[in-house]
Amino acid sequence: MRVLGIDPGLRRTGFGVIDTEGMRLRYVASGTIVVPSELPLPERLKVILDNLREVARETQPDVAALEIVFLNTNPASTLLLGQARGAALCALADSHLDVHEYTALQIKKAVVGTGRAAKEQVQMMVQRLLSLNGTPAPDSADALACAICHAHVAPLQQRLTQAQGSPSSRARVRAGRLRG
């Protein structure tokens, strides 16, 4: 499976592409879309949309993973970030990709082991997990971490979906939850 991870931002949108085969992860590509801040908002969103469409076209991912945005201390910034995220979602939908969404807490926990990890810890673990020669830039590392999170979570989601397919397997899943 090839996963395109996106770390949305109005000034800098990170992207990262990995291949997965079982538990093995392989780096494909990553980068940062730097959006000129002097452009009007609609044009800035179009830069994100067009560039992510191009990344999807060039890398041919099977699925996409996108970080969920939460309200922070500045509501205006949150709204602008939400618009950048919307442009990213449109690019992914236009590229006919299934989109899976994860919180920053889920991403950090999947990659580092704790949801309270610092950016530097995420960068270091991404470098280690993908056997990179150098430390990825922060936005690229966050996008790669999002892709890694999906690579770790997708097999579990798939097994749960398969287990819920028949009435007898649904009972086993529920029983497993009670025991676990």
N, C-alpha and C. Protein backbone atom coordinates (compact mmCIF):
# COMPACT_ATOMS: atom_id res chain seq x y z
N MET A 1 0.85 -1.18 0.00
CA MET A 1 0.00 0.00 0.00
C MET A 1 0.90 1.24 0.00
N ARG A 2 0.55 2.20 -0.80
CA ARG A 2 1.26 3.48 -0.82
C ARG A 2 0.39 4.52 -0.14
N VAL A 3 0.96 5.21 0.85
CA VAL A 3 0.21 6.17 1.67
C VAL A 3 0.80 7.56 1.48
N LEU A 4 -0.09 8.52 1.21
CA LEU A 4 0.28 9.94 1.14
C LEU A 4 -0.19 10.60 2.42
N GLY A 5 0.74 11.08 3.22
CA GLY A 5 0.42 11.80 4.45
C GLY A 5 0.50 13.29 4.23
N ILE A 6 -0.43 14.01 4.84
CA ILE A 6 -0.49 15.47 4.68
C ILE A 6 -0.53 16.14 6.05
N ASP A 7 0.33 17.14 6.22
CA ASP A 7 0.31 18.01 7.39
C ASP A 7 -0.12 19.39 6.88
N PRO A 8 -1.43 19.71 6.96
CA PRO A 8 -1.92 20.94 6.34
C PRO A 8 -1.48 22.21 7.07
N GLY A 9 -1.24 23.24 6.30
CA GLY A 9 -0.92 24.55 6.86
C GLY A 9 -1.09 25.60 5.78
N LEU A 10 -1.49 26.79 6.16
CA LEU A 10 -1.72 27.84 5.18
C LEU A 10 -0.42 28.42 4.65
N ARG A 11 0.63 28.43 5.47
CA ARG A 11 1.94 28.91 5.02
C ARG A 11 2.82 27.78 4.50
N ARG A 12 2.75 26.64 5.18
CA ARG A 12 3.58 25.48 4.82
C ARG A 12 2.74 24.22 4.98
N THR A 13 2.57 23.49 3.90
CA THR A 13 1.86 22.21 3.93
C THR A 13 2.87 21.12 3.64
N GLY A 14 3.03 20.22 4.60
CA GLY A 14 3.96 19.12 4.42
C GLY A 14 3.28 17.93 3.76
N PHE A 15 4.05 17.18 2.97
CA PHE A 15 3.55 15.94 2.40
C PHE A 15 4.63 14.88 2.52
N GLY A 16 4.20 13.65 2.65
CA GLY A 16 5.12 12.53 2.74
C GLY A 16 4.48 11.28 2.18
N VAL A 17 5.23 10.53 1.41
CA VAL A 17 4.72 9.32 0.77
C VAL A 17 5.59 8.14 1.20
N ILE A 18 4.92 7.08 1.65
CA ILE A 18 5.62 5.86 2.03
C ILE A 18 4.94 4.66 1.39
N ASP A 19 5.69 3.60 1.22
CA ASP A 19 5.15 2.31 0.82
C ASP A 19 5.16 1.41 2.03
N THR A 20 4.15 0.57 2.14
CA THR A 20 4.09 -0.40 3.23
C THR A 20 3.93 -1.79 2.65
N GLU A 21 4.60 -2.72 3.27
CA GLU A 21 4.44 -4.12 2.94
C GLU A 21 4.49 -4.87 4.25
N GLY A 22 3.32 -5.25 4.73
CA GLY A 22 3.25 -5.80 6.08
C GLY A 22 3.65 -4.71 7.07
N MET A 23 4.63 -5.02 7.90
CA MET A 23 5.11 -4.03 8.87
C MET A 23 6.29 -3.23 8.34
N ARG A 24 6.75 -3.55 7.13
CA ARG A 24 7.89 -2.83 6.56
C ARG A 24 7.45 -1.50 5.96
N LEU A 25 8.21 -0.47 6.24
CA LEU A 25 7.94 0.87 5.72
C LEU A 25 9.10 1.29 4.82
N ARG A 26 8.76 1.93 3.69
CA ARG A 26 9.80 2.41 2.80
C ARG A 26 9.48 3.83 2.37
N TYR A 27 10.45 4.71 2.52
CA TYR A 27 10.32 6.11 2.11
C TYR A 27 10.23 6.20 0.59
N VAL A 28 9.30 7.04 0.12
CA VAL A 28 9.16 7.29 -1.32
C VAL A 28 9.50 8.75 -1.64
N ALA A 29 8.84 9.68 -0.97
CA ALA A 29 9.06 11.10 -1.24
C ALA A 29 8.49 11.94 -0.11
N SER A 30 8.98 13.16 0.00
CA SER A 30 8.41 14.11 0.96
C SER A 30 8.83 15.51 0.55
N GLY A 31 8.15 16.47 1.13
CA GLY A 31 8.49 17.86 0.85
C GLY A 31 7.53 18.81 1.55
N THR A 32 7.72 20.06 1.27
CA THR A 32 6.90 21.11 1.86
C THR A 32 6.44 22.05 0.75
N ILE A 33 5.15 22.30 0.73
CA ILE A 33 4.58 23.29 -0.19
C ILE A 33 4.62 24.61 0.56
N VAL A 34 5.44 25.53 0.10
CA VAL A 34 5.56 26.83 0.74
C VAL A 34 4.65 27.80 -0.01
N VAL A 35 3.68 28.35 0.70
CA VAL A 35 2.67 29.21 0.11
C VAL A 35 3.06 30.67 0.34
N PRO A 36 3.20 31.45 -0.74
CA PRO A 36 3.55 32.88 -0.57
C PRO A 36 2.50 33.62 0.25
N SER A 37 2.91 34.21 1.36
CA SER A 37 1.96 34.88 2.26
C SER A 37 1.39 36.17 1.69
N GLU A 38 2.03 36.72 0.64
CA GLU A 38 1.49 37.96 0.08
C GLU A 38 0.31 37.74 -0.85
N LEU A 39 0.04 36.49 -1.21
CA LEU A 39 -1.11 36.19 -2.09
C LEU A 39 -2.41 36.33 -1.32
N PRO A 40 -3.48 36.71 -2.03
CA PRO A 40 -4.80 36.71 -1.38
C PRO A 40 -5.18 35.28 -0.98
N LEU A 41 -6.04 35.15 0.01
CA LEU A 41 -6.40 33.84 0.54
C LEU A 41 -6.85 32.85 -0.53
N PRO A 42 -7.77 33.21 -1.44
CA PRO A 42 -8.19 32.23 -2.44
C PRO A 42 -7.02 31.69 -3.28
N GLU A 43 -6.07 32.54 -3.60
CA GLU A 43 -4.92 32.10 -4.39
C GLU A 43 -3.98 31.21 -3.56
N ARG A 44 -3.89 31.50 -2.27
CA ARG A 44 -3.06 30.67 -1.39
C ARG A 44 -3.64 29.26 -1.30
N LEU A 45 -4.96 29.19 -1.19
CA LEU A 45 -5.62 27.89 -1.13
C LEU A 45 -5.45 27.13 -2.44
N LYS A 46 -5.48 27.85 -3.54
CA LYS A 46 -5.28 27.23 -4.86
C LYS A 46 -3.87 26.66 -4.99
N VAL A 47 -2.88 27.34 -4.42
CA VAL A 47 -1.50 26.82 -4.44
C VAL A 47 -1.46 25.45 -3.75
N ILE A 48 -2.12 25.35 -2.60
CA ILE A 48 -2.16 24.08 -1.87
C ILE A 48 -2.88 23.03 -2.71
N LEU A 49 -4.04 23.37 -3.21
CA LEU A 49 -4.85 22.45 -4.02
C LEU A 49 -4.06 21.94 -5.23
N ASP A 50 -3.50 22.84 -6.01
CA ASP A 50 -2.78 22.45 -7.23
C ASP A 50 -1.55 21.61 -6.94
N ASN A 51 -0.80 22.01 -5.91
CA ASN A 51 0.44 21.27 -5.59
C ASN A 51 0.15 19.88 -5.04
N LEU A 52 -0.88 19.74 -4.21
CA LEU A 52 -1.21 18.41 -3.69
C LEU A 52 -1.77 17.51 -4.79
N ARG A 53 -2.53 18.09 -5.71
CA ARG A 53 -2.99 17.30 -6.87
C ARG A 53 -1.78 16.76 -7.64
N GLU A 54 -0.77 17.61 -7.83
CA GLU A 54 0.43 17.22 -8.56
C GLU A 54 1.20 16.13 -7.81
N VAL A 55 1.32 16.27 -6.49
CA VAL A 55 2.00 15.24 -5.69
C VAL A 55 1.27 13.91 -5.84
N ALA A 56 -0.05 13.94 -5.75
CA ALA A 56 -0.84 12.70 -5.89
C ALA A 56 -0.68 12.11 -7.29
N ARG A 57 -0.67 12.95 -8.30
CA ARG A 57 -0.52 12.47 -9.68
C ARG A 57 0.86 11.82 -9.88
N GLU A 58 1.89 12.46 -9.35
CA GLU A 58 3.25 11.95 -9.54
C GLU A 58 3.55 10.70 -8.72
N THR A 59 3.01 10.61 -7.51
CA THR A 59 3.38 9.50 -6.62
C THR A 59 2.38 8.35 -6.63
N GLN A 60 1.18 8.57 -7.15
CA GLN A 60 0.16 7.52 -7.28
C GLN A 60 -0.12 6.76 -5.98
N PRO A 61 -0.50 7.46 -4.91
CA PRO A 61 -0.79 6.75 -3.66
C PRO A 61 -2.11 5.96 -3.75
N ASP A 62 -2.24 4.97 -2.87
CA ASP A 62 -3.47 4.19 -2.78
C ASP A 62 -4.47 4.85 -1.84
N VAL A 63 -3.96 5.48 -0.79
CA VAL A 63 -4.79 6.15 0.22
C VAL A 63 -4.06 7.40 0.71
N ALA A 64 -4.82 8.23 1.41
CA ALA A 64 -4.22 9.43 2.00
C ALA A 64 -4.57 9.49 3.48
N ALA A 65 -3.67 10.09 4.24
CA ALA A 65 -3.87 10.30 5.68
C ALA A 65 -3.65 11.79 5.95
N LEU A 66 -4.55 12.37 6.72
CA LEU A 66 -4.55 13.81 6.94
C LEU A 66 -4.71 14.09 8.42
N GLU A 67 -3.95 15.06 8.91
CA GLU A 67 -4.06 15.44 10.31
C GLU A 67 -5.33 16.24 10.55
N ILE A 68 -6.04 15.90 11.62
CA ILE A 68 -7.23 16.63 12.03
C ILE A 68 -6.80 17.88 12.79
N VAL A 69 -7.49 18.98 12.53
CA VAL A 69 -7.16 20.25 13.17
C VAL A 69 -8.13 20.49 14.32
N PHE A 70 -7.58 20.90 15.46
CA PHE A 70 -8.41 21.25 16.60
C PHE A 70 -8.31 22.74 16.88
N LEU A 71 -9.28 23.25 17.60
CA LEU A 71 -9.29 24.65 17.99
C LEU A 71 -8.09 24.93 18.89
N ASN A 72 -7.34 25.97 18.54
CA ASN A 72 -6.25 26.36 19.42
C ASN A 72 -6.58 27.70 20.05
N THR A 73 -5.60 28.38 20.60
CA THR A 73 -5.86 29.61 21.35
C THR A 73 -6.34 30.75 20.47
N ASN A 74 -6.03 30.73 19.18
CA ASN A 74 -6.43 31.81 18.28
C ASN A 74 -7.47 31.29 17.29
N PRO A 75 -8.75 31.62 17.50
CA PRO A 75 -9.81 31.12 16.62
C PRO A 75 -9.62 31.53 15.15
N ALA A 76 -9.10 32.72 14.89
CA ALA A 76 -8.88 33.15 13.50
C ALA A 76 -7.85 32.26 12.81
N SER A 77 -6.79 31.92 13.53
CA SER A 77 -5.77 31.02 12.97
C SER A 77 -6.34 29.64 12.71
N THR A 78 -7.19 29.18 13.62
CA THR A 78 -7.82 27.87 13.46
C THR A 78 -8.69 27.85 12.22
N LEU A 79 -9.44 28.91 12.00
CA LEU A 79 -10.29 28.98 10.81
C LEU A 79 -9.46 28.98 9.53
N LEU A 80 -8.37 29.72 9.51
CA LEU A 80 -7.50 29.74 8.32
C LEU A 80 -6.88 28.37 8.08
N LEU A 81 -6.45 27.72 9.16
CA LEU A 81 -5.88 26.39 9.04
C LEU A 81 -6.93 25.41 8.52
N GLY A 82 -8.16 25.58 8.98
CA GLY A 82 -9.26 24.74 8.49
C GLY A 82 -9.49 24.92 6.99
N GLN A 83 -9.29 26.12 6.50
CA GLN A 83 -9.45 26.37 5.06
C GLN A 83 -8.31 25.70 4.28
N ALA A 84 -7.11 25.73 4.82
CA ALA A 84 -5.99 25.04 4.18
C ALA A 84 -6.25 23.54 4.17
N ARG A 85 -6.78 23.04 5.26
CA ARG A 85 -7.13 21.62 5.35
C ARG A 85 -8.21 21.28 4.33
N GLY A 86 -9.17 22.19 4.15
CA GLY A 86 -10.22 21.98 3.15
C GLY A 86 -9.66 21.90 1.74
N ALA A 87 -8.69 22.75 1.44
CA ALA A 87 -8.04 22.71 0.12
C ALA A 87 -7.33 21.37 -0.06
N ALA A 88 -6.69 20.89 0.99
CA ALA A 88 -6.01 19.59 0.93
C ALA A 88 -7.04 18.47 0.71
N LEU A 89 -8.14 18.51 1.45
CA LEU A 89 -9.19 17.49 1.27
C LEU A 89 -9.73 17.49 -0.15
N CYS A 90 -9.93 18.67 -0.70
CA CYS A 90 -10.43 18.77 -2.09
C CYS A 90 -9.43 18.17 -3.08
N ALA A 91 -8.15 18.43 -2.87
CA ALA A 91 -7.12 17.86 -3.76
C ALA A 91 -7.13 16.34 -3.67
N LEU A 92 -7.27 15.80 -2.47
CA LEU A 92 -7.27 14.36 -2.28
C LEU A 92 -8.53 13.73 -2.87
N ALA A 93 -9.67 14.37 -2.66
CA ALA A 93 -10.92 13.87 -3.23
C ALA A 93 -10.88 13.93 -4.76
N ASP A 94 -10.33 15.02 -5.29
CA ASP A 94 -10.22 15.17 -6.74
C ASP A 94 -9.27 14.12 -7.32
N SER A 95 -8.36 13.62 -6.51
CA SER A 95 -7.42 12.58 -6.94
C SER A 95 -7.98 11.18 -6.68
N HIS A 96 -9.25 11.11 -6.26
CA HIS A 96 -9.97 9.85 -6.03
C HIS A 96 -9.30 8.98 -4.96
N LEU A 97 -8.85 9.63 -3.90
CA LEU A 97 -8.20 8.90 -2.81
C LEU A 97 -9.13 8.78 -1.61
N ASP A 98 -9.13 7.60 -0.97
CA ASP A 98 -9.79 7.47 0.32
C ASP A 98 -8.94 8.24 1.31
N VAL A 99 -9.60 9.03 2.15
CA VAL A 99 -8.88 9.86 3.11
C VAL A 99 -9.17 9.36 4.53
N HIS A 100 -8.12 9.15 5.29
CA HIS A 100 -8.22 8.74 6.68
C HIS A 100 -7.66 9.87 7.52
N GLU A 101 -8.35 10.19 8.62
CA GLU A 101 -7.96 11.34 9.41
C GLU A 101 -7.52 10.92 10.81
N TYR A 102 -6.48 11.59 11.29
CA TYR A 102 -5.90 11.26 12.59
C TYR A 102 -5.59 12.55 13.35
N THR A 103 -5.75 12.49 14.66
CA THR A 103 -5.38 13.64 15.49
C THR A 103 -3.86 13.66 15.67
N ALA A 104 -3.34 14.79 16.07
CA ALA A 104 -1.91 14.90 16.36
C ALA A 104 -1.53 13.91 17.47
N LEU A 105 -2.40 13.74 18.44
CA LEU A 105 -2.15 12.81 19.54
C LEU A 105 -2.02 11.37 19.02
N GLN A 106 -2.93 10.96 18.12
CA GLN A 106 -2.87 9.62 17.54
C GLN A 106 -1.58 9.42 16.74
N ILE A 107 -1.23 10.43 15.97
CA ILE A 107 -0.04 10.35 15.12
C ILE A 107 1.22 10.20 15.98
N LYS A 108 1.36 11.06 16.97
CA LYS A 108 2.53 11.01 17.84
C LYS A 108 2.61 9.69 18.59
N LYS A 109 1.47 9.21 19.06
CA LYS A 109 1.45 7.95 19.79
C LYS A 109 1.87 6.79 18.89
N ALA A 110 1.40 6.79 17.64
CA ALA A 110 1.74 5.71 16.70
C ALA A 110 3.21 5.73 16.32
N VAL A 111 3.80 6.91 16.25
CA VAL A 111 5.18 7.03 15.77
C VAL A 111 6.19 7.02 16.91
N VAL A 112 5.91 7.75 17.98
CA VAL A 112 6.87 7.90 19.07
C VAL A 112 6.53 7.01 20.27
N GLY A 113 5.24 6.75 20.45
CA GLY A 113 4.82 5.94 21.60
C GLY A 113 4.13 6.75 22.67
N THR A 114 4.16 8.07 22.53
CA THR A 114 3.47 8.96 23.46
C THR A 114 2.84 10.11 22.68
N GLY A 115 1.63 10.47 23.06
CA GLY A 115 0.92 11.55 22.39
C GLY A 115 1.44 12.93 22.71
N ARG A 116 2.33 13.02 23.68
CA ARG A 116 2.88 14.33 24.10
C ARG A 116 4.30 14.55 23.58
N ALA A 117 4.68 13.83 22.54
CA ALA A 117 6.05 13.92 22.01
C ALA A 117 6.32 15.29 21.41
N ALA A 118 7.54 15.74 21.53
CA ALA A 118 7.98 17.00 20.92
C ALA A 118 8.24 16.79 19.43
N LYS A 119 8.22 17.88 18.67
CA LYS A 119 8.46 17.81 17.22
C LYS A 119 9.79 17.12 16.91
N GLU A 120 10.81 17.41 17.71
CA GLU A 120 12.13 16.82 17.48
C GLU A 120 12.10 15.30 17.65
N GLN A 121 11.29 14.83 18.60
CA GLN A 121 11.16 13.38 18.80
C GLN A 121 10.48 12.73 17.59
N VAL A 122 9.46 13.40 17.05
CA VAL A 122 8.77 12.90 15.86
C VAL A 122 9.75 12.84 14.69
N GLN A 123 10.51 13.90 14.49
CA GLN A 123 11.49 13.92 13.41
C GLN A 123 12.49 12.77 13.55
N MET A 124 12.99 12.56 14.76
CA MET A 124 13.98 11.52 14.99
C MET A 124 13.40 10.13 14.72
N MET A 125 12.17 9.88 15.18
CA MET A 125 11.55 8.57 14.98
C MET A 125 11.20 8.33 13.51
N VAL A 126 10.76 9.37 12.81
CA VAL A 126 10.49 9.24 11.38
C VAL A 126 11.78 8.87 10.66
N GLN A 127 12.85 9.56 11.00
CA GLN A 127 14.16 9.26 10.40
C GLN A 127 14.54 7.81 10.66
N ARG A 128 14.37 7.36 11.88
CA ARG A 128 14.74 5.99 12.25
C ARG A 128 13.83 4.95 11.58
N LEU A 129 12.51 5.18 11.63
CA LEU A 129 11.56 4.20 11.08
C LEU A 129 11.69 4.04 9.56
N LEU A 130 12.08 5.13 8.88
CA LEU A 130 12.19 5.08 7.42
C LEU A 130 13.64 4.94 6.95
N SER A 131 14.57 4.78 7.89
CA SER A 131 16.01 4.63 7.58
C SER A 131 16.51 5.76 6.68
N LEU A 132 16.16 6.99 7.05
CA LEU A 132 16.59 8.15 6.27
C LEU A 132 18.01 8.54 6.65
N ASN A 133 18.75 9.09 5.71
CA ASN A 133 20.13 9.53 5.96
C ASN A 133 20.20 10.78 6.82
N GLY A 134 19.17 11.61 6.77
CA GLY A 134 19.17 12.85 7.53
C GLY A 134 17.82 13.08 8.18
N THR A 135 17.75 14.11 9.00
CA THR A 135 16.51 14.46 9.67
C THR A 135 15.60 15.20 8.70
N PRO A 136 14.36 14.75 8.54
CA PRO A 136 13.44 15.45 7.64
C PRO A 136 13.03 16.80 8.23
N ALA A 137 12.69 17.75 7.37
CA ALA A 137 12.19 19.05 7.81
C ALA A 137 10.92 18.84 8.63
N PRO A 138 10.62 19.75 9.55
CA PRO A 138 9.47 19.56 10.45
C PRO A 138 8.14 19.26 9.74
N ASP A 139 7.80 20.02 8.71
CA ASP A 139 6.52 19.80 8.02
C ASP A 139 6.51 18.47 7.28
N SER A 140 7.61 18.12 6.66
CA SER A 140 7.72 16.83 5.98
C SER A 140 7.67 15.69 6.98
N ALA A 141 8.35 15.85 8.11
CA ALA A 141 8.35 14.81 9.15
C ALA A 141 6.95 14.59 9.69
N ASP A 142 6.20 15.67 9.90
CA ASP A 142 4.82 15.52 10.40
C ASP A 142 3.95 14.80 9.38
N ALA A 143 4.13 15.09 8.10
CA ALA A 143 3.36 14.42 7.05
C ALA A 143 3.74 12.95 6.95
N LEU A 144 5.03 12.66 7.02
CA LEU A 144 5.49 11.27 7.00
C LEU A 144 4.97 10.53 8.23
N ALA A 145 4.95 11.20 9.37
CA ALA A 145 4.43 10.60 10.60
C ALA A 145 2.94 10.26 10.44
N CYS A 146 2.21 11.12 9.77
CA CYS A 146 0.79 10.87 9.52
C CYS A 146 0.62 9.62 8.65
N ALA A 147 1.47 9.49 7.63
CA ALA A 147 1.43 8.31 6.75
C ALA A 147 1.81 7.06 7.54
N ILE A 148 2.83 7.16 8.39
CA ILE A 148 3.25 6.02 9.22
C ILE A 148 2.12 5.62 10.17
N CYS A 149 1.45 6.60 10.75
CA CYS A 149 0.33 6.32 11.63
C CYS A 149 -0.71 5.49 10.89
N HIS A 150 -1.05 5.89 9.68
CA HIS A 150 -2.04 5.13 8.92
C HIS A 150 -1.53 3.72 8.61
N ALA A 151 -0.27 3.62 8.28
CA ALA A 151 0.31 2.30 7.98
C ALA A 151 0.21 1.37 9.19
N HIS A 152 0.32 1.92 10.39
CA HIS A 152 0.22 1.11 11.60
C HIS A 152 -1.23 0.81 11.96
N VAL A 153 -2.13 1.75 11.72
CA VAL A 153 -3.52 1.61 12.13
C VAL A 153 -4.35 0.84 11.10
N ALA A 154 -4.07 0.99 9.82
CA ALA A 154 -4.89 0.38 8.76
C ALA A 154 -5.03 -1.13 8.90
N PRO A 155 -3.95 -1.89 9.17
CA PRO A 155 -4.13 -3.33 9.32
C PRO A 155 -5.06 -3.70 10.49
N LEU A 156 -5.00 -2.93 11.56
CA LEU A 156 -5.88 -3.18 12.70
C LEU A 156 -7.33 -2.89 12.32
N GLN A 157 -7.56 -1.78 11.61
CA GLN A 157 -8.91 -1.44 11.16
C GLN A 157 -9.45 -2.50 10.22
N GLN A 158 -8.59 -3.00 9.34
CA GLN A 158 -9.00 -4.01 8.37
C GLN A 158 -9.39 -5.31 9.08
N ARG A 159 -8.60 -5.73 10.06
CA ARG A 159 -8.93 -6.94 10.80
C ARG A 159 -10.23 -6.78 11.58
N LEU A 160 -10.45 -5.62 12.16
CA LEU A 160 -11.68 -5.37 12.90
C LEU A 160 -12.88 -5.41 11.96
N THR A 161 -12.75 -4.80 10.79
CA THR A 161 -13.83 -4.80 9.81
C THR A 161 -14.14 -6.22 9.36
N GLN A 162 -13.11 -7.00 9.10
CA GLN A 162 -13.30 -8.40 8.70
C GLN A 162 -13.94 -9.19 9.83
N ALA A 163 -13.51 -8.96 11.05
CA ALA A 163 -14.05 -9.68 12.20
C ALA A 163 -15.51 -9.35 12.44
N GLN A 164 -15.92 -8.15 12.06
CA GLN A 164 -17.31 -7.74 12.26
C GLN A 164 -18.21 -8.19 11.12
N GLY A 165 -17.67 -8.92 10.16
CA GLY A 165 -18.43 -9.33 8.98
C GLY A 165 -19.53 -10.33 9.25
N SER A 166 -19.31 -11.32 10.12
CA SER A 166 -20.33 -12.33 10.38
C SER A 166 -20.82 -12.21 11.82
N PRO A 167 -22.06 -12.66 12.08
CA PRO A 167 -22.59 -12.56 13.46
C PRO A 167 -21.71 -13.27 14.47
N SER A 168 -21.17 -14.45 14.14
CA SER A 168 -20.35 -15.17 15.11
C SER A 168 -19.05 -14.43 15.37
N SER A 169 -18.48 -13.79 14.33
CA SER A 169 -17.24 -13.06 14.54
C SER A 169 -17.51 -11.78 15.32
N ARG A 170 -18.69 -11.17 15.16
CA ARG A 170 -19.03 -9.99 15.96
C ARG A 170 -19.05 -10.35 17.43
N ALA A 171 -19.56 -11.51 17.75
CA ALA A 171 -19.59 -11.94 19.15
C ALA A 171 -18.18 -12.14 19.69
N ARG A 172 -17.29 -12.70 18.87
CA ARG A 172 -15.90 -12.88 19.31
C ARG A 172 -15.23 -11.54 19.57
N VAL A 173 -15.46 -10.57 18.69
CA VAL A 173 -14.86 -9.25 18.88
C VAL A 173 -15.35 -8.63 20.17
N ARG A 174 -16.66 -8.69 20.42
CA ARG A 174 -17.18 -8.14 21.66
C ARG A 174 -16.63 -8.87 22.88
N ALA A 175 -16.57 -10.18 22.78
CA ALA A 175 -16.02 -10.96 23.90
C ALA A 175 -14.56 -10.62 24.13
N GLY A 176 -13.82 -10.44 23.05
CA GLY A 176 -12.41 -10.07 23.17
C GLY A 176 -12.24 -8.74 23.86
N ARG A 177 -13.13 -7.81 23.57
CA ARG A 177 -13.05 -6.51 24.23
C ARG A 177 -13.33 -6.65 25.73
N LEU A 178 -14.30 -7.50 26.08
CA LEU A 178 -14.63 -7.67 27.49
C LEU A 178 -13.47 -8.30 28.26
N ARG A 179 -12.81 -9.28 27.64
CA ARG A 179 -11.69 -9.95 28.29
C ARG A 179 -10.47 -9.04 28.36
N GLY A 180 -10.24 -8.25 27.29
CA GLY A 180 -9.03 -7.45 27.20
C GLY A 180 -9.11 -6.24 28.03
